[in-house]
N, C-alpha and C. Protein backbone atom coordinates (compact mmCIF):
# COMPACT_ATOMS: atom_id res chain seq x y z
N UNK A 1 29.99 -13.32 -116.97
CA UNK A 1 29.13 -13.70 -116.06
C UNK A 1 29.85 -13.81 -114.70
N UNK A 2 31.08 -14.38 -114.59
CA UNK A 2 31.69 -14.40 -113.23
C UNK A 2 32.56 -13.25 -112.98
N UNK A 3 32.71 -12.29 -113.99
CA UNK A 3 33.12 -10.92 -113.58
C UNK A 3 32.22 -10.36 -112.91
N UNK A 4 30.91 -10.17 -113.14
CA UNK A 4 29.51 -9.44 -112.41
C UNK A 4 29.34 -9.71 -111.00
N UNK A 5 29.36 -11.13 -110.90
CA UNK A 5 30.04 -11.72 -109.61
C UNK A 5 31.04 -11.25 -108.45
N UNK A 6 32.18 -11.44 -109.48
CA UNK A 6 33.52 -10.87 -108.41
C UNK A 6 33.28 -9.68 -107.86
N UNK A 7 32.73 -8.43 -109.07
CA UNK A 7 32.43 -7.01 -108.86
C UNK A 7 31.90 -6.73 -107.69
N UNK A 8 30.79 -7.54 -106.99
CA UNK A 8 29.71 -7.32 -105.92
C UNK A 8 30.30 -8.20 -104.87
N UNK A 9 31.09 -9.26 -105.04
CA UNK A 9 31.63 -10.19 -103.98
C UNK A 9 32.63 -9.06 -103.25
N UNK A 10 33.49 -8.52 -104.08
CA UNK A 10 34.28 -7.75 -103.50
C UNK A 10 33.59 -6.35 -102.96
N UNK A 11 32.62 -5.75 -103.06
CA UNK A 11 31.99 -4.60 -102.54
C UNK A 11 31.28 -4.78 -100.94
N UNK A 12 32.23 -4.20 -99.99
CA UNK A 12 31.41 -4.38 -98.93
C UNK A 12 30.31 -3.64 -98.27
N UNK A 13 30.11 -2.53 -99.24
CA UNK A 13 29.10 -1.72 -98.73
C UNK A 13 27.39 -2.32 -98.53
N UNK A 14 27.02 -1.83 -97.24
CA UNK A 14 25.68 -2.85 -97.15
C UNK A 14 25.84 -3.74 -96.19
N UNK A 15 27.29 -4.44 -96.05
CA UNK A 15 27.51 -5.47 -94.99
C UNK A 15 26.86 -5.73 -93.70
N UNK A 16 27.00 -4.47 -93.35
CA UNK A 16 26.58 -4.12 -91.79
C UNK A 16 24.95 -4.42 -91.59
N UNK A 17 24.36 -3.85 -92.62
CA UNK A 17 22.75 -4.00 -92.82
C UNK A 17 22.17 -5.52 -93.04
N UNK A 18 23.40 -6.12 -93.68
CA UNK A 18 22.96 -7.33 -93.88
C UNK A 18 22.82 -8.36 -92.96
N UNK A 19 24.13 -8.12 -91.96
CA UNK A 19 24.32 -8.87 -90.85
C UNK A 19 23.30 -8.63 -89.98
N UNK A 20 23.07 -7.14 -89.66
CA UNK A 20 22.07 -7.12 -88.70
C UNK A 20 20.76 -7.46 -89.01
N UNK A 21 20.25 -7.53 -90.55
CA UNK A 21 19.06 -8.50 -90.97
C UNK A 21 19.16 -9.69 -90.32
N UNK A 22 20.31 -10.33 -90.64
CA UNK A 22 20.51 -11.68 -90.13
C UNK A 22 20.08 -11.78 -88.49
N UNK A 23 20.87 -10.88 -87.65
CA UNK A 23 20.70 -11.31 -86.11
C UNK A 23 19.34 -10.42 -85.77
N UNK A 24 18.57 -9.78 -86.24
CA UNK A 24 17.45 -8.96 -85.86
C UNK A 24 16.72 -9.98 -85.31
N UNK A 25 16.12 -10.93 -85.93
CA UNK A 25 15.20 -12.09 -85.58
C UNK A 25 15.10 -12.53 -84.06
N UNK A 26 16.89 -13.36 -84.41
CA UNK A 26 17.35 -13.55 -82.78
C UNK A 26 17.26 -12.44 -81.54
N UNK A 27 17.77 -11.54 -82.13
CA UNK A 27 17.44 -10.22 -80.91
C UNK A 27 16.11 -9.95 -80.47
N UNK A 28 14.94 -10.26 -81.46
CA UNK A 28 13.56 -9.84 -81.36
C UNK A 28 13.07 -11.34 -80.41
N UNK A 29 13.27 -12.18 -80.91
CA UNK A 29 12.74 -13.37 -79.85
C UNK A 29 13.51 -13.35 -78.30
N UNK A 30 14.68 -12.94 -78.48
CA UNK A 30 15.28 -12.81 -76.96
C UNK A 30 14.72 -11.83 -76.41
N UNK A 31 14.29 -10.84 -76.87
CA UNK A 31 13.72 -9.48 -76.32
C UNK A 31 12.12 -9.66 -75.67
N UNK A 32 11.61 -10.57 -76.67
CA UNK A 32 10.36 -10.69 -76.46
C UNK A 32 10.07 -11.73 -75.38
N UNK A 33 10.97 -12.88 -75.10
CA UNK A 33 11.18 -14.13 -74.33
C UNK A 33 11.53 -13.14 -72.85
N UNK A 34 12.24 -12.14 -72.82
CA UNK A 34 12.59 -11.55 -71.64
C UNK A 34 11.18 -10.98 -71.35
N UNK A 35 10.93 -10.26 -71.90
CA UNK A 35 9.51 -9.61 -71.69
C UNK A 35 8.50 -10.34 -71.28
N UNK A 36 8.21 -11.56 -71.93
CA UNK A 36 7.24 -12.46 -71.32
C UNK A 36 7.23 -12.87 -69.99
N UNK A 37 8.76 -13.37 -69.57
CA UNK A 37 9.41 -13.71 -68.40
C UNK A 37 8.87 -12.58 -67.23
N UNK A 38 9.61 -11.08 -67.59
CA UNK A 38 8.80 -10.02 -66.69
C UNK A 38 7.59 -9.92 -66.30
N UNK A 39 7.02 -10.01 -67.32
CA UNK A 39 5.39 -10.12 -67.01
C UNK A 39 4.82 -11.30 -66.21
N UNK A 40 5.35 -12.28 -66.36
CA UNK A 40 5.33 -13.52 -65.39
C UNK A 40 5.77 -12.96 -63.61
N UNK A 41 6.74 -12.69 -63.85
CA UNK A 41 7.24 -12.22 -62.69
C UNK A 41 6.54 -11.02 -61.71
N UNK A 42 5.93 -9.99 -62.65
CA UNK A 42 5.19 -9.02 -62.19
C UNK A 42 3.96 -9.43 -61.72
N UNK A 43 3.29 -10.60 -62.61
CA UNK A 43 2.10 -11.15 -62.07
C UNK A 43 2.21 -11.89 -60.60
N UNK A 44 3.15 -12.65 -60.70
CA UNK A 44 3.28 -13.34 -59.19
C UNK A 44 3.50 -12.42 -58.27
N UNK A 45 4.15 -11.31 -58.35
CA UNK A 45 4.34 -10.49 -57.33
C UNK A 45 3.06 -10.03 -56.92
N UNK A 46 2.12 -9.44 -58.26
CA UNK A 46 0.79 -8.68 -57.57
C UNK A 46 -0.09 -9.68 -56.90
N UNK A 47 -0.08 -10.78 -57.44
CA UNK A 47 -1.01 -11.67 -56.57
C UNK A 47 -0.34 -12.30 -55.32
N UNK A 48 0.79 -12.38 -55.03
CA UNK A 48 1.49 -12.47 -53.67
C UNK A 48 1.31 -11.35 -52.93
N UNK A 49 1.50 -10.04 -53.27
CA UNK A 49 0.97 -8.70 -52.76
C UNK A 49 -0.39 -9.09 -51.93
N UNK A 50 -1.39 -8.79 -53.18
CA UNK A 50 -2.85 -9.24 -52.57
C UNK A 50 -2.90 -10.22 -51.87
N UNK A 51 -2.62 -11.25 -51.87
CA UNK A 51 -2.78 -12.61 -51.02
C UNK A 51 -2.69 -12.47 -49.85
N UNK A 52 -1.05 -11.72 -49.56
CA UNK A 52 -0.48 -11.13 -47.89
C UNK A 52 -1.72 -10.23 -47.30
N UNK A 53 -1.86 -9.43 -48.29
CA UNK A 53 -2.96 -8.26 -47.62
C UNK A 53 -4.15 -8.99 -47.31
N UNK A 54 -4.85 -9.81 -47.98
CA UNK A 54 -5.94 -10.60 -47.57
C UNK A 54 -6.01 -11.49 -46.57
N UNK A 55 -4.88 -12.08 -46.79
CA UNK A 55 -4.73 -12.92 -45.56
C UNK A 55 -4.57 -12.35 -43.97
N UNK A 56 -3.98 -11.23 -44.22
CA UNK A 56 -3.71 -10.57 -42.71
C UNK A 56 -5.13 -9.75 -42.58
N UNK A 57 -5.86 -9.50 -43.45
CA UNK A 57 -7.22 -8.94 -43.13
C UNK A 57 -7.99 -9.90 -42.28
N UNK A 58 -8.22 -11.35 -43.07
CA UNK A 58 -8.86 -12.38 -42.56
C UNK A 58 -8.41 -12.70 -41.30
N UNK A 59 -7.28 -12.31 -40.52
CA UNK A 59 -6.45 -13.17 -39.51
C UNK A 59 -6.57 -11.78 -38.68
N UNK A 60 -7.24 -10.58 -38.71
CA UNK A 60 -7.46 -9.29 -37.94
C UNK A 60 -8.98 -9.77 -37.68
N UNK A 61 -9.67 -10.21 -38.78
CA UNK A 61 -11.26 -10.08 -38.53
C UNK A 61 -11.64 -11.38 -37.49
N UNK A 62 -13.10 -11.26 -37.03
CA UNK A 62 -13.64 -12.21 -35.79
C UNK A 62 -13.49 -13.74 -36.46
N UNK A 63 -13.25 -14.09 -35.41
CA UNK A 63 -13.01 -15.91 -35.96
C UNK A 63 -14.03 -16.72 -35.32
N UNK A 64 -15.12 -17.35 -35.89
CA UNK A 64 -14.76 -17.64 -37.50
C UNK A 64 -15.04 -16.85 -38.33
N UNK A 65 -14.23 -16.73 -39.66
CA UNK A 65 -14.71 -15.61 -40.57
C UNK A 65 -16.07 -15.60 -41.10
N UNK A 66 -16.66 -14.55 -41.04
CA UNK A 66 -17.82 -14.31 -41.44
C UNK A 66 -18.13 -14.18 -43.01
N UNK A 67 -19.23 -14.20 -43.37
CA UNK A 67 -19.64 -14.08 -44.84
C UNK A 67 -18.96 -13.03 -45.50
N UNK A 68 -19.43 -11.92 -44.75
CA UNK A 68 -19.04 -10.36 -45.06
C UNK A 68 -17.37 -10.24 -44.98
N UNK A 69 -16.68 -10.95 -43.95
CA UNK A 69 -15.63 -10.53 -43.48
C UNK A 69 -14.64 -11.60 -44.89
N UNK A 70 -15.08 -12.88 -45.09
CA UNK A 70 -14.34 -13.50 -46.47
C UNK A 70 -14.96 -12.79 -47.59
N UNK A 71 -15.72 -11.88 -47.85
CA UNK A 71 -15.97 -11.38 -49.44
C UNK A 71 -14.72 -10.01 -49.10
N UNK A 72 -14.87 -9.40 -48.22
CA UNK A 72 -13.93 -8.50 -48.23
C UNK A 72 -12.47 -8.85 -48.27
N UNK A 73 -11.83 -10.16 -47.81
CA UNK A 73 -10.95 -10.74 -48.05
C UNK A 73 -10.68 -10.95 -49.77
N UNK A 74 -11.83 -11.77 -50.25
CA UNK A 74 -11.90 -11.88 -51.56
C UNK A 74 -11.53 -10.58 -52.42
N UNK A 75 -12.28 -9.55 -51.86
CA UNK A 75 -12.03 -8.49 -52.94
C UNK A 75 -10.59 -7.92 -52.71
N UNK A 76 -10.13 -7.75 -51.24
CA UNK A 76 -8.81 -7.22 -51.55
C UNK A 76 -7.96 -8.53 -52.11
N UNK A 77 -8.00 -9.47 -52.13
CA UNK A 77 -7.07 -10.41 -52.95
C UNK A 77 -7.00 -10.06 -54.13
N UNK A 78 -8.43 -10.17 -54.49
CA UNK A 78 -8.28 -9.96 -56.16
C UNK A 78 -8.29 -8.55 -57.10
N UNK A 79 -8.60 -7.46 -56.18
CA UNK A 79 -8.36 -6.07 -56.53
C UNK A 79 -7.93 -4.90 -55.87
N UNK A 80 -7.34 -5.62 -54.79
CA UNK A 80 -6.51 -4.87 -53.53
C UNK A 80 -7.63 -3.75 -52.89
N UNK A 81 -8.60 -3.88 -53.23
CA UNK A 81 -9.43 -2.80 -52.51
C UNK A 81 -10.83 -3.58 -51.74
N UNK A 82 -11.00 -3.23 -50.69
CA UNK A 82 -12.00 -4.00 -49.66
C UNK A 82 -13.49 -4.04 -50.40
N UNK A 83 -13.87 -2.86 -50.92
CA UNK A 83 -15.67 -3.17 -51.74
C UNK A 83 -15.05 -3.82 -52.86
N UNK A 84 -14.26 -3.91 -53.70
CA UNK A 84 -13.82 -4.78 -54.99
C UNK A 84 -14.43 -3.62 -56.01
N UNK A 85 -14.28 -2.62 -56.01
CA UNK A 85 -14.42 -1.28 -57.10
C UNK A 85 -13.42 -1.48 -58.20
N UNK A 86 -12.15 -1.96 -57.73
CA UNK A 86 -10.83 -1.67 -58.59
C UNK A 86 -10.68 -2.49 -59.55
N UNK A 87 -10.00 -2.53 -60.53
CA UNK A 87 -9.60 -3.59 -61.84
C UNK A 87 -9.08 -4.52 -60.67
N UNK A 88 -9.18 -6.22 -61.61
CA UNK A 88 -8.43 -7.23 -61.03
C UNK A 88 -6.82 -6.45 -60.65
N UNK A 89 -5.97 -7.13 -59.96
CA UNK A 89 -4.66 -6.42 -59.80
C UNK A 89 -3.66 -7.18 -60.95
N UNK A 90 -4.34 -8.65 -61.65
CA UNK A 90 -3.77 -9.14 -62.62
C UNK A 90 -5.11 -10.15 -63.54
N UNK A 91 -4.83 -9.48 -64.75
CA UNK A 91 -5.74 -10.09 -65.82
C UNK A 91 -6.14 -11.67 -65.36
N UNK A 92 -5.31 -12.39 -65.37
CA UNK A 92 -5.59 -13.95 -64.90
C UNK A 92 -6.69 -13.88 -64.23
N UNK A 93 -7.14 -12.98 -63.15
CA UNK A 93 -8.20 -13.43 -62.16
C UNK A 93 -9.33 -13.36 -62.65
N UNK A 94 -9.59 -12.77 -64.24
CA UNK A 94 -10.80 -13.12 -65.10
C UNK A 94 -10.94 -14.34 -66.23
N UNK A 95 -9.60 -15.05 -66.02
CA UNK A 95 -10.24 -16.28 -67.11
C UNK A 95 -10.40 -17.38 -66.13
N UNK A 96 -11.07 -18.49 -66.90
CA UNK A 96 -11.38 -19.55 -66.28
C UNK A 96 -10.45 -20.55 -65.82
N UNK A 97 -10.26 -21.11 -64.49
CA UNK A 97 -9.53 -21.72 -63.61
C UNK A 97 -8.91 -21.08 -62.58
N UNK A 98 -9.06 -19.36 -62.61
CA UNK A 98 -8.80 -18.61 -61.21
C UNK A 98 -9.64 -19.39 -60.25
N UNK A 99 -9.18 -19.44 -59.00
CA UNK A 99 -9.75 -19.28 -57.76
C UNK A 99 -9.15 -19.45 -56.39
N UNK A 100 -9.61 -19.48 -55.70
CA UNK A 100 -8.94 -18.94 -54.42
C UNK A 100 -9.75 -20.12 -52.83
N UNK A 101 -9.28 -20.55 -52.14
CA UNK A 101 -9.81 -20.95 -50.77
C UNK A 101 -9.33 -20.33 -49.78
N UNK A 102 -10.02 -19.91 -48.92
CA UNK A 102 -9.83 -19.74 -47.61
C UNK A 102 -10.29 -20.54 -46.17
N UNK A 103 -9.53 -21.22 -45.78
CA UNK A 103 -9.64 -22.01 -44.60
C UNK A 103 -9.04 -21.92 -43.31
N UNK A 104 -9.67 -21.85 -42.01
CA UNK A 104 -8.85 -21.91 -40.90
C UNK A 104 -9.05 -23.04 -40.28
N UNK A 105 -7.65 -23.57 -39.76
CA UNK A 105 -7.38 -24.57 -39.25
C UNK A 105 -6.80 -24.20 -37.71
N UNK A 106 -6.76 -25.23 -36.69
CA UNK A 106 -6.25 -24.98 -35.32
C UNK A 106 -4.61 -25.38 -35.19
N UNK A 107 -3.78 -24.38 -34.87
CA UNK A 107 -2.38 -25.00 -34.39
C UNK A 107 -2.21 -25.12 -33.15
N UNK A 108 -1.41 -26.00 -33.05
CA UNK A 108 -1.72 -26.59 -31.31
C UNK A 108 -0.52 -25.76 -30.43
N UNK A 109 -0.51 -25.19 -29.74
CA UNK A 109 0.94 -24.55 -29.21
C UNK A 109 0.68 -24.71 -27.70
N UNK A 110 1.43 -25.82 -26.88
CA UNK A 110 1.30 -26.18 -25.87
C UNK A 110 -0.06 -26.72 -25.12
N UNK A 111 -1.18 -27.05 -25.86
CA UNK A 111 -2.14 -27.39 -25.50
C UNK A 111 -3.21 -26.12 -25.98
N UNK A 112 -2.94 -25.23 -26.22
CA UNK A 112 -3.59 -24.34 -26.92
C UNK A 112 -3.90 -24.13 -28.17
N UNK A 113 -5.11 -23.93 -28.64
CA UNK A 113 -5.55 -24.19 -30.25
C UNK A 113 -5.35 -22.70 -30.30
N UNK A 114 -4.57 -22.30 -31.65
CA UNK A 114 -4.50 -21.02 -32.23
C UNK A 114 -5.03 -21.27 -33.58
N UNK A 115 -5.89 -20.46 -33.80
CA UNK A 115 -6.30 -20.28 -35.20
C UNK A 115 -5.36 -19.75 -36.22
N UNK A 116 -5.43 -20.50 -37.35
CA UNK A 116 -4.51 -20.16 -38.34
C UNK A 116 -5.40 -19.94 -39.88
N UNK A 117 -5.38 -18.78 -40.41
CA UNK A 117 -5.87 -18.49 -41.40
C UNK A 117 -4.99 -19.12 -42.76
N UNK A 118 -5.62 -20.03 -43.92
CA UNK A 118 -4.84 -20.26 -44.88
C UNK A 118 -5.67 -19.72 -46.06
N UNK A 119 -4.92 -19.18 -46.88
CA UNK A 119 -5.63 -18.76 -48.53
C UNK A 119 -4.85 -19.20 -49.13
N UNK A 120 -5.60 -20.04 -50.18
CA UNK A 120 -4.56 -20.69 -51.46
C UNK A 120 -5.42 -19.85 -52.53
N UNK A 121 -4.46 -19.71 -53.72
CA UNK A 121 -4.66 -19.24 -54.91
C UNK A 121 -4.30 -19.97 -56.10
N UNK A 122 -5.01 -20.10 -57.45
CA UNK A 122 -4.54 -20.45 -58.52
C UNK A 122 -5.04 -19.48 -59.26
N UNK A 123 -4.02 -19.09 -60.16
CA UNK A 123 -4.32 -17.84 -61.09
C UNK A 123 -3.88 -18.14 -62.60
N UNK A 124 -4.52 -18.48 -63.60
CA UNK A 124 -3.76 -18.97 -64.85
C UNK A 124 -2.98 -17.72 -65.30
N UNK A 125 -1.77 -17.71 -65.82
CA UNK A 125 -0.85 -16.66 -66.26
C UNK A 125 -1.54 -16.47 -67.72
N UNK A 126 -1.29 -14.87 -67.48
CA UNK A 126 -2.09 -14.50 -69.10
C UNK A 126 -1.20 -13.75 -69.84
N UNK A 127 -0.41 -14.20 -70.79
CA UNK A 127 0.59 -13.60 -71.34
C UNK A 127 0.28 -12.43 -72.54
N UNK A 128 1.28 -11.83 -73.19
CA UNK A 128 1.27 -10.76 -73.68
C UNK A 128 0.86 -11.52 -75.21
N UNK A 129 1.39 -12.31 -75.32
CA UNK A 129 1.21 -13.15 -77.00
C UNK A 129 1.31 -14.49 -76.36
N UNK A 130 -0.10 -15.00 -76.73
CA UNK A 130 -0.18 -16.42 -75.91
C UNK A 130 0.51 -17.57 -77.09
N UNK A 131 0.77 -17.35 -77.94
CA UNK A 131 1.64 -18.28 -79.01
C UNK A 131 2.82 -18.09 -78.71
N UNK A 132 3.15 -16.66 -78.41
CA UNK A 132 4.73 -17.06 -78.15
C UNK A 132 5.31 -17.62 -76.72
N UNK A 133 4.00 -17.39 -75.83
CA UNK A 133 4.54 -17.57 -74.56
C UNK A 133 4.34 -19.01 -74.75
N UNK A 134 3.55 -19.82 -75.12
CA UNK A 134 3.81 -21.36 -75.40
C UNK A 134 5.08 -22.04 -76.14
N UNK A 135 5.71 -21.09 -76.96
CA UNK A 135 6.95 -21.16 -77.55
C UNK A 135 8.30 -21.13 -76.55
N UNK A 136 8.09 -20.32 -75.56
CA UNK A 136 9.00 -20.06 -74.61
C UNK A 136 8.61 -20.87 -73.35
N UNK A 137 7.60 -21.70 -73.56
CA UNK A 137 7.65 -22.43 -72.38
C UNK A 137 6.73 -22.05 -71.05
N UNK A 138 5.88 -20.93 -71.50
CA UNK A 138 4.77 -20.30 -70.73
C UNK A 138 3.57 -20.76 -70.66
N UNK A 139 3.21 -21.52 -71.94
CA UNK A 139 2.01 -21.81 -72.36
C UNK A 139 1.20 -22.71 -71.47
N UNK A 140 -0.04 -22.44 -70.67
CA UNK A 140 -0.76 -22.95 -69.97
C UNK A 140 -0.16 -23.06 -68.22
N UNK A 141 0.86 -22.16 -68.08
CA UNK A 141 1.26 -21.71 -66.97
C UNK A 141 0.47 -21.36 -66.17
N UNK A 142 0.18 -21.71 -65.02
CA UNK A 142 -0.41 -21.38 -63.51
C UNK A 142 0.22 -21.05 -62.48
N UNK A 143 -0.02 -19.86 -61.88
CA UNK A 143 0.70 -19.18 -60.83
C UNK A 143 -0.35 -20.23 -59.36
N UNK A 144 0.20 -20.70 -58.82
CA UNK A 144 -0.24 -21.29 -57.27
C UNK A 144 0.42 -20.46 -56.35
N UNK A 145 -0.16 -19.97 -55.59
CA UNK A 145 0.61 -19.38 -54.12
C UNK A 145 -0.36 -19.83 -53.02
N UNK A 146 0.43 -19.71 -51.61
CA UNK A 146 -0.61 -19.94 -50.50
C UNK A 146 0.52 -18.96 -49.69
N UNK A 147 -0.61 -18.49 -48.20
CA UNK A 147 -0.45 -17.68 -47.54
C UNK A 147 -0.92 -18.18 -46.10
N UNK A 148 -0.01 -18.15 -45.10
CA UNK A 148 -1.15 -18.31 -43.80
C UNK A 148 -0.47 -17.41 -42.84
N UNK A 149 -1.36 -17.14 -41.92
CA UNK A 149 -1.54 -15.99 -40.70
C UNK A 149 -1.97 -16.40 -39.64
N UNK A 150 -1.47 -16.62 -38.64
CA UNK A 150 -2.24 -16.66 -37.20
C UNK A 150 -3.31 -15.82 -36.73
N UNK A 151 -4.47 -15.94 -36.27
CA UNK A 151 -5.28 -15.38 -35.96
C UNK A 151 -5.01 -14.41 -34.95
N UNK A 152 -5.05 -13.11 -34.96
CA UNK A 152 -4.73 -12.07 -33.98
C UNK A 152 -6.01 -11.44 -33.40
N UNK A 153 -6.81 -11.51 -34.26
CA UNK A 153 -8.28 -10.76 -33.87
C UNK A 153 -7.77 -9.04 -33.70
N UNK A 154 -8.93 -8.46 -33.32
CA UNK A 154 -8.74 -7.02 -33.37
C UNK A 154 -8.90 -6.58 -32.05
């Protein structure tokens, strides 16, 4: 019985495949984690681009913001198009808990009030695999951003 074991213990054929099989799950976890963090980074960038564009549009519209201009700003924020015909910039806009607020406040510059448009957004992160996202710490992650732009009119 011991001779049989010694015969296979000295044979190193296939040892690289066994080692690769042992390391593969760890490599897959690392790769999947990097992919989820990359997706989160992409979603933050896409939301931020839409947020800046919508705030700039609202700052160039008439003050106070009309309902039509507010709707166009919302469409730019969510879809990147003025008419809202495109798909959401990020899929998190379609999830419960996604929202935005558009406010205008006055900032005092040497006694002269300057209207400032402020848009704040909250969008839930939409992971590729929700179970894995929870495991790497991205479960229930909410992207919250805001942007201000002084009103410049047209």
